[in-house]
C-alpha cells in the first residue's frame, strides 16, 4: 500500500504515481495499464478515487480508454508529462524555492530552456 500525504487530494497523488510509472518506463507508451479496480485494491482506496485520477489523466491526454479492453498509455505521454511537470514546477515550486532562498540570503538564477 502507498502512504498518502495530507498535502494533496488522494486522487492527485494517484495521478502523480501513474505519471511517474510512465516517466520511469515501467508503463511504456502503448501499453495497457492496470484496471481501476485492480489499482484500487492494490493501494487500498475506493475505486471511484482511482477513476477520478484516470479521468483526469485521460483528459490530459496521458492515457486513453479502449471500451471493454481497458486503459492504455497514450503515444507521446512521456513528453506530455514532462511538459506538465515543468510547468507545475515553474508555477508552483520555483516561486516558493526562490522565496525561501531569499530568506536565508541566497539567490538563484534560473534559465528556462525548452519549455
PDB file of N, CA and C in Angstrom:
ATOM      1  N   UNK A   1       0.820  -1.186   0.000  1.00  0.00           N
ATOM      2  CA  UNK A   1       0.000   0.000   0.000  1.00  0.00           C
ATOM      3  C   UNK A   1       0.868   1.256   0.000  1.00  0.00           C
ATOM      4  N   UNK A   2       0.311   2.319  -0.516  1.00  0.00           N
ATOM      5  CA  UNK A   2       1.000   3.597  -0.597  1.00  0.00           C
ATOM      6  C   UNK A   2       0.691   4.417   0.646  1.00  0.00           C
ATOM      7  N   UNK A   3       1.667   5.192   1.079  1.00  0.00           N
ATOM      8  CA  UNK A   3       1.442   6.133   2.171  1.00  0.00           C
ATOM      9  C   UNK A   3       1.045   7.470   1.567  1.00  0.00           C
ATOM     10  N   UNK A   4      -0.191   7.843   1.716  1.00  0.00           N
ATOM     11  CA  UNK A   4      -0.675   9.109   1.182  1.00  0.00           C
ATOM     12  C   UNK A   4      -0.391  10.228   2.172  1.00  0.00           C
ATOM     13  N   UNK A   5      -0.179  11.429   1.644  1.00  0.00           N
ATOM     14  CA  UNK A   5       0.056  12.593   2.491  1.00  0.00           C
ATOM     15  C   UNK A   5      -1.218  13.428   2.576  1.00  0.00           C
ATOM     16  N   UNK A   6      -1.242  14.332   3.513  1.00  0.00           N
ATOM     17  CA  UNK A   6      -2.380  15.225   3.687  1.00  0.00           C
ATOM     18  C   UNK A   6      -2.279  16.449   2.772  1.00  0.00           C
ATOM     19  N   UNK A   7      -1.102  16.649   2.145  1.00  0.00           N
ATOM     20  CA  UNK A   7      -0.841  17.853   1.351  1.00  0.00           C
ATOM     21  C   UNK A   7      -1.716  17.975   0.112  1.00  0.00           C
ATOM     22  N   UNK A   8      -2.026  16.853  -0.514  1.00  0.00           N
ATOM     23  CA  UNK A   8      -2.770  16.843  -1.773  1.00  0.00           C
ATOM     24  C   UNK A   8      -3.897  15.831  -1.684  1.00  0.00           C
ATOM     25  N   UNK A   9      -4.942  16.035  -2.496  1.00  0.00           N
ATOM     26  CA  UNK A   9      -6.002  15.021  -2.541  1.00  0.00           C
ATOM     27  C   UNK A   9      -5.438  13.669  -3.001  1.00  0.00           C
ATOM     28  N   UNK A  10      -6.036  12.595  -2.527  1.00  0.00           N
ATOM     29  CA  UNK A  10      -5.558  11.255  -2.873  1.00  0.00           C
ATOM     30  C   UNK A  10      -5.608  11.026  -4.377  1.00  0.00           C
ATOM     31  N   UNK A  11      -6.669  11.490  -5.055  1.00  0.00           N
ATOM     32  CA  UNK A  11      -6.756  11.275  -6.498  1.00  0.00           C
ATOM     33  C   UNK A  11      -5.553  11.914  -7.197  1.00  0.00           C
ATOM     34  N   UNK A  12      -5.092  13.071  -6.695  1.00  0.00           N
ATOM     35  CA  UNK A  12      -3.945  13.758  -7.307  1.00  0.00           C
ATOM     36  C   UNK A  12      -2.660  12.963  -7.082  1.00  0.00           C
ATOM     37  N   UNK A  13      -2.528  12.374  -5.907  1.00  0.00           N
ATOM     38  CA  UNK A  13      -1.349  11.563  -5.610  1.00  0.00           C
ATOM     39  C   UNK A  13      -1.321  10.309  -6.494  1.00  0.00           C
ATOM     40  N   UNK A  14      -2.486   9.738  -6.750  1.00  0.00           N
ATOM     41  CA  UNK A  14      -2.567   8.578  -7.649  1.00  0.00           C
ATOM     42  C   UNK A  14      -2.207   9.002  -9.070  1.00  0.00           C
ATOM     43  N   UNK A  15      -2.700  10.146  -9.504  1.00  0.00           N
ATOM     44  CA  UNK A  15      -2.354  10.712 -10.816  1.00  0.00           C
ATOM     45  C   UNK A  15      -0.836  10.799 -10.940  1.00  0.00           C
ATOM     46  N   UNK A  16      -0.189  11.357  -9.927  1.00  0.00           N
ATOM     47  CA  UNK A  16       1.270  11.528  -9.950  1.00  0.00           C
ATOM     48  C   UNK A  16       1.994  10.192  -9.917  1.00  0.00           C
ATOM     49  N   UNK A  17       1.470   9.225  -9.180  1.00  0.00           N
ATOM     50  CA  UNK A  17       2.052   7.883  -9.142  1.00  0.00           C
ATOM     51  C   UNK A  17       2.051   7.263 -10.537  1.00  0.00           C
ATOM     52  N   UNK A  18       0.927   7.363 -11.215  1.00  0.00           N
ATOM     53  CA  UNK A  18       0.819   6.812 -12.562  1.00  0.00           C
ATOM     54  C   UNK A  18       1.752   7.546 -13.515  1.00  0.00           C
ATOM     55  N   UNK A  19       1.798   8.868 -13.407  1.00  0.00           N
ATOM     56  CA  UNK A  19       2.686   9.664 -14.256  1.00  0.00           C
ATOM     57  C   UNK A  19       4.139   9.246 -14.053  1.00  0.00           C
ATOM     58  N   UNK A  20       4.542   9.013 -12.813  1.00  0.00           N
ATOM     59  CA  UNK A  20       5.925   8.613 -12.541  1.00  0.00           C
ATOM     60  C   UNK A  20       6.210   7.206 -13.082  1.00  0.00           C
ATOM     61  N   UNK A  21       5.220   6.334 -13.045  1.00  0.00           N
ATOM     62  CA  UNK A  21       5.413   4.988 -13.619  1.00  0.00           C
ATOM     63  C   UNK A  21       5.603   5.082 -15.136  1.00  0.00           C
ATOM     64  N   UNK A  22       4.910   6.016 -15.748  1.00  0.00           N
ATOM     65  CA  UNK A  22       5.074   6.216 -17.191  1.00  0.00           C
ATOM     66  C   UNK A  22       6.440   6.838 -17.482  1.00  0.00           C
ATOM     67  N   UNK A  23       6.821   7.861 -16.723  1.00  0.00           N
ATOM     68  CA  UNK A  23       8.119   8.505 -16.930  1.00  0.00           C
ATOM     69  C   UNK A  23       9.277   7.544 -16.710  1.00  0.00           C
ATOM     70  N   UNK A  24       9.136   6.655 -15.735  1.00  0.00           N
ATOM     71  CA  UNK A  24      10.219   5.706 -15.427  1.00  0.00           C
ATOM     72  C   UNK A  24      10.333   4.592 -16.465  1.00  0.00           C
ATOM     73  N   UNK A  25       9.310   4.448 -17.307  1.00  0.00           N
ATOM     74  CA  UNK A  25       9.326   3.379 -18.298  1.00  0.00           C
ATOM     75  C   UNK A  25       8.661   2.103 -17.810  1.00  0.00           C
ATOM     76  N   UNK A  26       8.206   2.113 -16.562  1.00  0.00           N
ATOM     77  CA  UNK A  26       7.525   0.930 -16.032  1.00  0.00           C
ATOM     78  C   UNK A  26       6.259   0.637 -16.843  1.00  0.00           C
ATOM     79  N   UNK A  27       5.575   1.700 -17.261  1.00  0.00           N
ATOM     80  CA  UNK A  27       4.403   1.577 -18.121  1.00  0.00           C
ATOM     81  C   UNK A  27       4.711   2.316 -19.423  1.00  0.00           C
ATOM     82  N   UNK A  28       5.253   1.618 -20.425  1.00  0.00           N
ATOM     83  CA  UNK A  28       5.638   2.274 -21.685  1.00  0.00           C
ATOM     84  C   UNK A  28       4.434   2.753 -22.497  1.00  0.00           C
ATOM     85  N   UNK A  29       4.690   3.701 -23.363  1.00  0.00           N
ATOM     86  CA  UNK A  29       3.653   4.211 -24.248  1.00  0.00           C
ATOM     87  C   UNK A  29       3.076   3.065 -25.075  1.00  0.00           C
ATOM     88  N   UNK A  30       1.770   3.032 -25.179  1.00  0.00           N
ATOM     89  CA  UNK A  30       1.079   1.983 -25.913  1.00  0.00           C
ATOM     90  C   UNK A  30       0.707   0.779 -25.071  1.00  0.00           C
ATOM     91  N   UNK A  31       1.243   0.696 -23.853  1.00  0.00           N
ATOM     92  CA  UNK A  31       0.960  -0.469 -23.011  1.00  0.00           C
ATOM     93  C   UNK A  31      -0.339  -0.290 -22.240  1.00  0.00           C
ATOM     94  N   UNK A  32      -0.934  -1.415 -21.926  1.00  0.00           N
ATOM     95  CA  UNK A  32      -2.162  -1.415 -21.118  1.00  0.00           C
ATOM     96  C   UNK A  32      -1.761  -1.216 -19.670  1.00  0.00           C
ATOM     97  N   UNK A  33      -2.509  -0.392 -18.943  1.00  0.00           N
ATOM     98  CA  UNK A  33      -2.234  -0.194 -17.525  1.00  0.00           C
ATOM     99  C   UNK A  33      -3.257  -0.969 -16.703  1.00  0.00           C
ATOM    100  N   UNK A  34      -2.986  -1.088 -15.426  1.00  0.00           N
ATOM    101  CA  UNK A  34      -3.867  -1.875 -14.560  1.00  0.00           C
ATOM    102  C   UNK A  34      -5.259  -1.264 -14.519  1.00  0.00           C
ATOM    103  N   UNK A  35      -6.233  -2.111 -14.289  1.00  0.00           N
ATOM    104  CA  UNK A  35      -7.616  -1.651 -14.234  1.00  0.00           C
ATOM    105  C   UNK A  35      -7.844  -0.787 -12.999  1.00  0.00           C
ATOM    106  N   UNK A  36      -8.907  -0.038 -13.035  1.00  0.00           N
ATOM    107  CA  UNK A  36      -9.276   0.822 -11.910  1.00  0.00           C
ATOM    108  C   UNK A  36      -9.436  -0.023 -10.649  1.00  0.00           C
ATOM    109  N   UNK A  37     -10.173  -1.107 -10.759  1.00  0.00           N
ATOM    110  CA  UNK A  37     -10.415  -1.964  -9.584  1.00  0.00           C
ATOM    111  C   UNK A  37      -9.128  -2.589  -9.058  1.00  0.00           C
ATOM    112  N   UNK A  38      -8.273  -3.039  -9.964  1.00  0.00           N
ATOM    113  CA  UNK A  38      -7.017  -3.664  -9.542  1.00  0.00           C
ATOM    114  C   UNK A  38      -6.129  -2.661  -8.808  1.00  0.00           C
ATOM    115  N   UNK A  39      -5.994  -1.466  -9.364  1.00  0.00           N
ATOM    116  CA  UNK A  39      -5.160  -0.456  -8.709  1.00  0.00           C
ATOM    117  C   UNK A  39      -5.766  -0.052  -7.365  1.00  0.00           C
ATOM    118  N   UNK A  40      -7.078   0.125  -7.333  1.00  0.00           N
ATOM    119  CA  UNK A  40      -7.750   0.490  -6.082  1.00  0.00           C
ATOM    120  C   UNK A  40      -7.495  -0.556  -5.002  1.00  0.00           C
ATOM    121  N   UNK A  41      -7.594  -1.822  -5.379  1.00  0.00           N
ATOM    122  CA  UNK A  41      -7.356  -2.905  -4.434  1.00  0.00           C
ATOM    123  C   UNK A  41      -5.901  -2.927  -3.971  1.00  0.00           C
ATOM    124  N   UNK A  42      -4.979  -2.729  -4.907  1.00  0.00           N
ATOM    125  CA  UNK A  42      -3.547  -2.765  -4.593  1.00  0.00           C
ATOM    126  C   UNK A  42      -3.142  -1.664  -3.623  1.00  0.00           C
ATOM    127  N   UNK A  43      -3.666  -0.464  -3.838  1.00  0.00           N
ATOM    128  CA  UNK A  43      -3.244   0.665  -2.994  1.00  0.00           C
ATOM    129  C   UNK A  43      -4.213   0.963  -1.848  1.00  0.00           C
ATOM    130  N   UNK A  44      -5.322   0.241  -1.811  1.00  0.00           N
ATOM    131  CA  UNK A  44      -6.241   0.358  -0.685  1.00  0.00           C
ATOM    132  C   UNK A  44      -7.099   1.605  -0.661  1.00  0.00           C
ATOM    133  N   UNK A  45      -7.615   1.985  -1.838  1.00  0.00           N
ATOM    134  CA  UNK A  45      -8.516   3.139  -1.896  1.00  0.00           C
ATOM    135  C   UNK A  45      -9.799   2.753  -2.620  1.00  0.00           C
ATOM    136  N   UNK A  46     -10.764   3.629  -2.566  1.00  0.00           N
ATOM    137  CA  UNK A  46     -12.035   3.417  -3.242  1.00  0.00           C
ATOM    138  C   UNK A  46     -11.826   3.482  -4.763  1.00  0.00           C
ATOM    139  N   UNK A  47     -12.451   2.564  -5.526  1.00  0.00           N
ATOM    140  CA  UNK A  47     -12.305   2.614  -6.994  1.00  0.00           C
ATOM    141  C   UNK A  47     -12.732   3.953  -7.601  1.00  0.00           C
ATOM    142  N   UNK A  48     -13.682   4.644  -6.979  1.00  0.00           N
ATOM    143  CA  UNK A  48     -14.094   5.959  -7.503  1.00  0.00           C
ATOM    144  C   UNK A  48     -12.957   6.970  -7.456  1.00  0.00           C
ATOM    145  N   UNK A  49     -12.109   6.854  -6.448  1.00  0.00           N
ATOM    146  CA  UNK A  49     -10.954   7.754  -6.331  1.00  0.00           C
ATOM    147  C   UNK A  49      -9.967   7.486  -7.458  1.00  0.00           C
ATOM    148  N   UNK A  50      -9.717   6.209  -7.734  1.00  0.00           N
ATOM    149  CA  UNK A  50      -8.818   5.852  -8.838  1.00  0.00           C
ATOM    150  C   UNK A  50      -9.433   6.303 -10.157  1.00  0.00           C
ATOM    151  N   UNK A  51     -10.731   6.101 -10.313  1.00  0.00           N
ATOM    152  CA  UNK A  51     -11.399   6.502 -11.545  1.00  0.00           C
ATOM    153  C   UNK A  51     -11.256   8.000 -11.785  1.00  0.00           C
ATOM    154  N   UNK A  52     -11.335   8.770 -10.736  1.00  0.00           N
ATOM    155  CA  UNK A  52     -11.148  10.231 -10.880  1.00  0.00           C
ATOM    156  C   UNK A  52      -9.752  10.541 -11.423  1.00  0.00           C
ATOM    157  N   UNK A  53      -8.742   9.831 -10.942  1.00  0.00           N
ATOM    158  CA  UNK A  53      -7.368  10.009 -11.443  1.00  0.00           C
ATOM    159  C   UNK A  53      -7.281   9.627 -12.919  1.00  0.00           C
ATOM    160  N   UNK A  54      -7.881   8.486 -13.270  1.00  0.00           N
ATOM    161  CA  UNK A  54      -7.855   8.023 -14.652  1.00  0.00           C
ATOM    162  C   UNK A  54      -8.564   9.018 -15.570  1.00  0.00           C
ATOM    163  N   UNK A  55      -9.685   9.559 -15.100  1.00  0.00           N
ATOM    164  CA  UNK A  55     -10.424  10.533 -15.914  1.00  0.00           C
ATOM    165  C   UNK A  55      -9.579  11.777 -16.177  1.00  0.00           C
ATOM    166  N   UNK A  56      -8.852  12.228 -15.163  1.00  0.00           N
ATOM    167  CA  UNK A  56      -8.002  13.406 -15.333  1.00  0.00           C
ATOM    168  C   UNK A  56      -6.827  13.095 -16.254  1.00  0.00           C
ATOM    169  N   UNK A  57      -6.231  11.923 -16.088  1.00  0.00           N
ATOM    170  CA  UNK A  57      -5.138  11.502 -16.972  1.00  0.00           C
ATOM    171  C   UNK A  57      -5.618  11.411 -18.417  1.00  0.00           C
ATOM    172  N   UNK A  58      -6.825  10.918 -18.589  1.00  0.00           N
ATOM    173  CA  UNK A  58      -7.400  10.820 -19.927  1.00  0.00           C
ATOM    174  C   UNK A  58      -7.654  12.216 -20.503  1.00  0.00           C
ATOM    175  N   UNK A  59      -8.188  13.112 -19.681  1.00  0.00           N
ATOM    176  CA  UNK A  59      -8.444  14.485 -20.128  1.00  0.00           C
ATOM    177  C   UNK A  59      -7.150  15.203 -20.505  1.00  0.00           C
ATOM    178  N   UNK A  60      -6.053  14.854 -19.831  1.00  0.00           N
ATOM    179  CA  UNK A  60      -4.746  15.453 -20.115  1.00  0.00           C
ATOM    180  C   UNK A  60      -4.024  14.763 -21.273  1.00  0.00           C
ATOM    181  N   UNK A  61      -4.646  13.723 -21.851  1.00  0.00           N
ATOM    182  CA  UNK A  61      -4.051  13.031 -22.987  1.00  0.00           C
ATOM    183  C   UNK A  61      -2.937  12.069 -22.625  1.00  0.00           C
ATOM    184  N   UNK A  62      -2.846  11.698 -21.363  1.00  0.00           N
ATOM    185  CA  UNK A  62      -1.789  10.796 -20.897  1.00  0.00           C
ATOM    186  C   UNK A  62      -2.177   9.336 -21.120  1.00  0.00           C
ATOM    187  N   UNK A  63      -3.445   9.021 -20.902  1.00  0.00           N
ATOM    188  CA  UNK A  63      -3.942   7.663 -21.136  1.00  0.00           C
ATOM    189  C   UNK A  63      -5.201   7.759 -21.989  1.00  0.00           C
ATOM    190  N   UNK A  64      -5.611   6.630 -22.543  1.00  0.00           N
ATOM    191  CA  UNK A  64      -6.872   6.576 -23.280  1.00  0.00           C
ATOM    192  C   UNK A  64      -7.554   5.253 -22.990  1.00  0.00           C
ATOM    193  N   UNK A  65      -8.851   5.238 -23.194  1.00  0.00           N
ATOM    194  CA  UNK A  65      -9.659   4.065 -22.881  1.00  0.00           C
ATOM    195  C   UNK A  65     -10.096   3.381 -24.170  1.00  0.00           C
ATOM    196  N   UNK A  66      -9.900   2.091 -24.225  1.00  0.00           N
ATOM    197  CA  UNK A  66     -10.483   1.264 -25.288  1.00  0.00           C
ATOM    198  C   UNK A  66     -11.638   0.530 -24.637  1.00  0.00           C
ATOM    199  N   UNK A  67     -12.824   0.960 -24.959  1.00  0.00           N
ATOM    200  CA  UNK A  67     -14.022   0.429 -24.313  1.00  0.00           C
ATOM    201  C   UNK A  67     -14.020  -1.094 -24.315  1.00  0.00           C
ATOM    202  N   UNK A  68     -14.200  -1.649 -23.131  1.00  0.00           N
ATOM    203  CA  UNK A  68     -14.256  -3.094 -22.972  1.00  0.00           C
ATOM    204  C   UNK A  68     -12.902  -3.761 -22.847  1.00  0.00           C
ATOM    205  N   UNK A  69     -11.830  -3.012 -23.092  1.00  0.00           N
ATOM    206  CA  UNK A  69     -10.476  -3.590 -23.023  1.00  0.00           C
ATOM    207  C   UNK A  69      -9.699  -3.016 -21.851  1.00  0.00           C
ATOM    208  N   UNK A  70      -9.781  -1.704 -21.680  1.00  0.00           N
ATOM    209  CA  UNK A  70      -9.073  -1.067 -20.567  1.00  0.00           C
ATOM    210  C   UNK A  70      -8.390   0.221 -20.977  1.00  0.00           C
ATOM    211  N   UNK A  71      -7.561   0.711 -20.085  1.00  0.00           N
ATOM    212  CA  UNK A  71      -6.818   1.947 -20.313  1.00  0.00           C
ATOM    213  C   UNK A  71      -5.409   1.649 -20.795  1.00  0.00           C
ATOM    214  N   UNK A  72      -4.917   2.521 -21.670  1.00  0.00           N
ATOM    215  CA  UNK A  72      -3.594   2.384 -22.256  1.00  0.00           C
ATOM    216  C   UNK A  72      -2.847   3.706 -22.162  1.00  0.00           C
ATOM    217  N   UNK A  73      -1.513   3.613 -22.143  1.00  0.00           N
ATOM    218  CA  UNK A  73      -0.676   4.811 -22.135  1.00  0.00           C
ATOM    219  C   UNK A  73      -0.653   5.375 -23.553  1.00  0.00           C
ATOM    220  N   UNK A  74      -0.965   6.650 -23.678  1.00  0.00           N
ATOM    221  CA  UNK A  74      -1.021   7.305 -24.983  1.00  0.00           C
ATOM    222  C   UNK A  74       0.381   7.523 -25.553  1.00  0.00           C
ATOM    223  N   UNK A  75       0.452   7.537 -26.871  1.00  0.00           N
ATOM    224  CA  UNK A  75       1.703   7.888 -27.541  1.00  0.00           C
ATOM    225  C   UNK A  75       2.020   9.343 -27.193  1.00  0.00           C
ATOM    226  N   UNK A  76       3.270   9.616 -26.882  1.00  0.00           N
ATOM    227  CA  UNK A  76       3.677  10.968 -26.523  1.00  0.00           C
ATOM    228  C   UNK A  76       3.402  11.318 -25.067  1.00  0.00           C
ATOM    229  N   UNK A  77       2.906  10.348 -24.294  1.00  0.00           N
ATOM    230  CA  UNK A  77       2.549  10.611 -22.894  1.00  0.00           C
ATOM    231  C   UNK A  77       3.754  11.071 -22.078  1.00  0.00           C
ATOM    232  N   UNK A  78       4.904  10.466 -22.323  1.00  0.00           N
ATOM    233  CA  UNK A  78       6.095  10.824 -21.555  1.00  0.00           C
ATOM    234  C   UNK A  78       6.438  12.299 -21.738  1.00  0.00           C
ATOM    235  N   UNK A  79       6.438  12.743 -22.979  1.00  0.00           N
ATOM    236  CA  UNK A  79       6.737  14.152 -23.260  1.00  0.00           C
ATOM    237  C   UNK A  79       5.669  15.068 -22.674  1.00  0.00           C
ATOM    238  N   UNK A  80       4.411  14.659 -22.763  1.00  0.00           N
ATOM    239  CA  UNK A  80       3.325  15.458 -22.198  1.00  0.00           C
ATOM    240  C   UNK A  80       3.470  15.603 -20.684  1.00  0.00           C
ATOM    241  N   UNK A  81       3.828  14.503 -20.024  1.00  0.00           N
ATOM    242  CA  UNK A  81       4.014  14.539 -18.570  1.00  0.00           C
ATOM    243  C   UNK A  81       5.170  15.468 -18.218  1.00  0.00           C
ATOM    244  N   UNK A  82       6.257  15.366 -18.957  1.00  0.00           N
ATOM    245  CA  UNK A  82       7.412  16.239 -18.699  1.00  0.00           C
ATOM    246  C   UNK A  82       7.006  17.704 -18.815  1.00  0.00           C
ATOM    247  N   UNK A  83       6.243  18.042 -19.834  1.00  0.00           N
ATOM    248  CA  UNK A  83       5.796  19.423 -20.020  1.00  0.00           C
ATOM    249  C   UNK A  83       4.913  19.865 -18.856  1.00  0.00           C
ATOM    250  N   UNK A  84       3.974  19.010 -18.469  1.00  0.00           N
ATOM    251  CA  UNK A  84       3.089  19.341 -17.347  1.00  0.00           C
ATOM    252  C   UNK A  84       3.881  19.512 -16.048  1.00  0.00           C
ATOM    253  N   UNK A  85       4.838  18.631 -15.812  1.00  0.00           N
ATOM    254  CA  UNK A  85       5.647  18.704 -14.595  1.00  0.00           C
ATOM    255  C   UNK A  85       6.542  19.945 -14.599  1.00  0.00           C
ATOM    256  N   UNK A  86       7.096  20.294 -15.749  1.00  0.00           N
ATOM    257  CA  UNK A  86       7.914  21.514 -15.834  1.00  0.00           C
ATOM    258  C   UNK A  86       7.076  22.736 -15.517  1.00  0.00           C
ATOM    259  N   UNK A  87       5.890  22.801 -16.123  1.00  0.00           N
ATOM    260  CA  UNK A  87       5.017  23.946 -15.892  1.00  0.00           C
ATOM    261  C   UNK A  87       4.619  24.028 -14.424  1.00  0.00           C
ATOM    262  N   UNK A  88       4.265  22.892 -13.845  1.00  0.00           N
ATOM    263  CA  UNK A  88       3.889  22.855 -12.435  1.00  0.00           C
ATOM    264  C   UNK A  88       5.049  23.326 -11.551  1.00  0.00           C
ATOM    265  N   UNK A  89       6.259  22.872 -11.872  1.00  0.00           N
ATOM    266  CA  UNK A  89       7.428  23.279 -11.095  1.00  0.00           C
ATOM    267  C   UNK A  89       7.652  24.783 -11.203  1.00  0.00           C
ATOM    268  N   UNK A  90       7.586  25.300 -12.409  1.00  0.00           N
ATOM    269  CA  UNK A  90       7.828  26.724 -12.627  1.00  0.00           C
ATOM    270  C   UNK A  90       6.745  27.587 -11.968  1.00  0.00           C
ATOM    271  N   UNK A  91       5.513  27.136 -12.009  1.00  0.00           N
ATOM    272  CA  UNK A  91       4.394  27.925 -11.475  1.00  0.00           C
ATOM    273  C   UNK A  91       4.226  27.791  -9.961  1.00  0.00           C
ATOM    274  N   UNK A  92       4.528  26.609  -9.409  1.00  0.00           N
ATOM    275  CA  UNK A  92       4.220  26.350  -8.009  1.00  0.00           C
ATOM    276  C   UNK A  92       5.448  26.231  -7.110  1.00  0.00           C
ATOM    277  N   UNK A  93       6.416  25.450  -7.529  1.00  0.00           N
ATOM    278  CA  UNK A  93       7.525  25.139  -6.640  1.00  0.00           C
ATOM    279  C   UNK A  93       8.660  26.153  -6.712  1.00  0.00           C
ATOM    280  N   UNK A  94       9.000  26.618  -7.894  1.00  0.00           N
ATOM    281  CA  UNK A  94      10.115  27.553  -8.034  1.00  0.00           C
ATOM    282  C   UNK A  94       9.879  28.860  -7.276  1.00  0.00           C
ATOM    283  N   UNK A  95       8.690  29.457  -7.363  1.00  0.00           N
ATOM    284  CA  UNK A  95       8.485  30.687  -6.578  1.00  0.00           C
ATOM    285  C   UNK A  95       8.691  30.478  -5.072  1.00  0.00           C
ATOM    286  N   UNK A  96       8.250  29.354  -4.547  1.00  0.00           N
ATOM    287  CA  UNK A  96       8.443  29.051  -3.128  1.00  0.00           C
ATOM    288  C   UNK A  96       9.923  28.882  -2.811  1.00  0.00           C
ATOM    289  N   UNK A  97      10.638  28.206  -3.699  1.00  0.00           N
ATOM    290  CA  UNK A  97      12.073  27.992  -3.515  1.00  0.00           C
ATOM    291  C   UNK A  97      12.819  29.324  -3.530  1.00  0.00           C
ATOM    292  N   UNK A  98      12.491  30.171  -4.485  1.00  0.00           N
ATOM    293  CA  UNK A  98      13.148  31.481  -4.562  1.00  0.00           C
ATOM    294  C   UNK A  98      12.884  32.298  -3.297  1.00  0.00           C
ATOM    295  N   UNK A  99      11.655  32.256  -2.802  1.00  0.00           N
ATOM    296  CA  UNK A  99      11.310  32.985  -1.592  1.00  0.00           C
ATOM    297  C   UNK A  99      12.118  32.467  -0.404  1.00  0.00           C
ATOM    298  N   UNK A 100      12.182  31.160  -0.271  1.00  0.00           N
ATOM    299  CA  UNK A 100      12.928  30.562   0.848  1.00  0.00           C
ATOM    300  C   UNK A 100      14.409  30.880   0.768  1.00  0.00           C
ATOM    301  N   UNK A 101      14.969  30.807  -0.431  1.00  0.00           N
ATOM    302  CA  UNK A 101      16.380  31.154  -0.600  1.00  0.00           C
ATOM    303  C   UNK A 101      16.632  32.606  -0.209  1.00  0.00           C
ATOM    304  N   UNK A 102      15.700  33.480  -0.569  1.00  0.00           N
ATOM    305  CA  UNK A 102      15.827  34.889  -0.200  1.00  0.00           C
ATOM    306  C   UNK A 102      15.884  35.085   1.302  1.00  0.00           C
ATOM    307  N   UNK A 103      15.102  34.305   2.042  1.00  0.00           N
ATOM    308  CA  UNK A 103      15.090  34.408   3.495  1.00  0.00           C
ATOM    309  C   UNK A 103      16.450  34.092   4.107  1.00  0.00           C
ATOM    310  N   UNK A 104      17.173  33.191   3.465  1.00  0.00           N
ATOM    311  CA  UNK A 104      18.475  32.793   4.029  1.00  0.00           C
ATOM    312  C   UNK A 104      19.645  33.457   3.304  1.00  0.00           C
ATOM    313  N   UNK A 105      19.328  34.446   2.468  1.00  0.00           N
ATOM    314  CA  UNK A 105      20.381  35.241   1.845  1.00  0.00           C
ATOM    315  C   UNK A 105      21.014  34.630   0.611  1.00  0.00           C
ATOM    316  N   UNK A 106      20.314  33.715  -0.043  1.00  0.00           N
ATOM    317  CA  UNK A 106      20.818  33.119  -1.276  1.00  0.00           C
ATOM    318  C   UNK A 106      19.947  33.558  -2.439  1.00  0.00           C
ATOM    319  N   UNK A 107      20.523  33.571  -3.625  1.00  0.00           N
ATOM    320  CA  UNK A 107      19.757  33.883  -4.827  1.00  0.00           C
ATOM    321  C   UNK A 107      19.899  32.733  -5.797  1.00  0.00           C
ATOM    322  N   UNK A 108      19.001  32.726  -6.761  1.00  0.00           N
ATOM    323  CA  UNK A 108      19.023  31.686  -7.788  1.00  0.00           C
ATOM    324  C   UNK A 108      18.784  32.347  -9.135  1.00  0.00           C
ATOM    325  N   UNK A 109      19.581  31.960 -10.082  1.00  0.00           N
ATOM    326  CA  UNK A 109      19.411  32.454 -11.455  1.00  0.00           C
ATOM    327  C   UNK A 109      18.901  31.285 -12.280  1.00  0.00           C
ATOM    328  N   UNK A 110      17.683  31.405 -12.736  1.00  0.00           N
ATOM    329  CA  UNK A 110      17.053  30.301 -13.464  1.00  0.00           C
ATOM    330  C   UNK A 110      16.965  30.636 -14.932  1.00  0.00           C
ATOM    331  N   UNK A 111      17.527  29.771 -15.748  1.00  0.00           N
ATOM    332  CA  UNK A 111      17.390  29.869 -17.202  1.00  0.00           C
ATOM    333  C   UNK A 111      16.338  28.877 -17.603  1.00  0.00           C
ATOM    334  N   UNK A 112      15.431  29.324 -18.408  1.00  0.00           N
ATOM    335  CA  UNK A 112      14.352  28.450 -18.846  1.00  0.00           C
ATOM    336  C   UNK A 112      14.551  28.163 -20.321  1.00  0.00           C
ATOM    337  N   UNK A 113      14.962  26.935 -20.607  1.00  0.00           N
ATOM    338  CA  UNK A 113      15.152  26.485 -21.979  1.00  0.00           C
ATOM    339  C   UNK A 113      14.209  25.320 -22.250  1.00  0.00           C
ATOM    340  N   UNK A 114      13.770  25.210 -23.453  1.00  0.00           N
ATOM    341  CA  UNK A 114      12.980  24.059 -23.890  1.00  0.00           C
ATOM    342  C   UNK A 114      11.656  23.879 -23.152  1.00  0.00           C
ATOM    343  N   UNK A 115      11.054  24.955 -22.756  1.00  0.00           N
ATOM    344  CA  UNK A 115       9.713  24.827 -22.169  1.00  0.00           C
ATOM    345  C   UNK A 115       8.766  25.004 -23.258  1.00  0.00           C
TER     346      UNK A 115
END
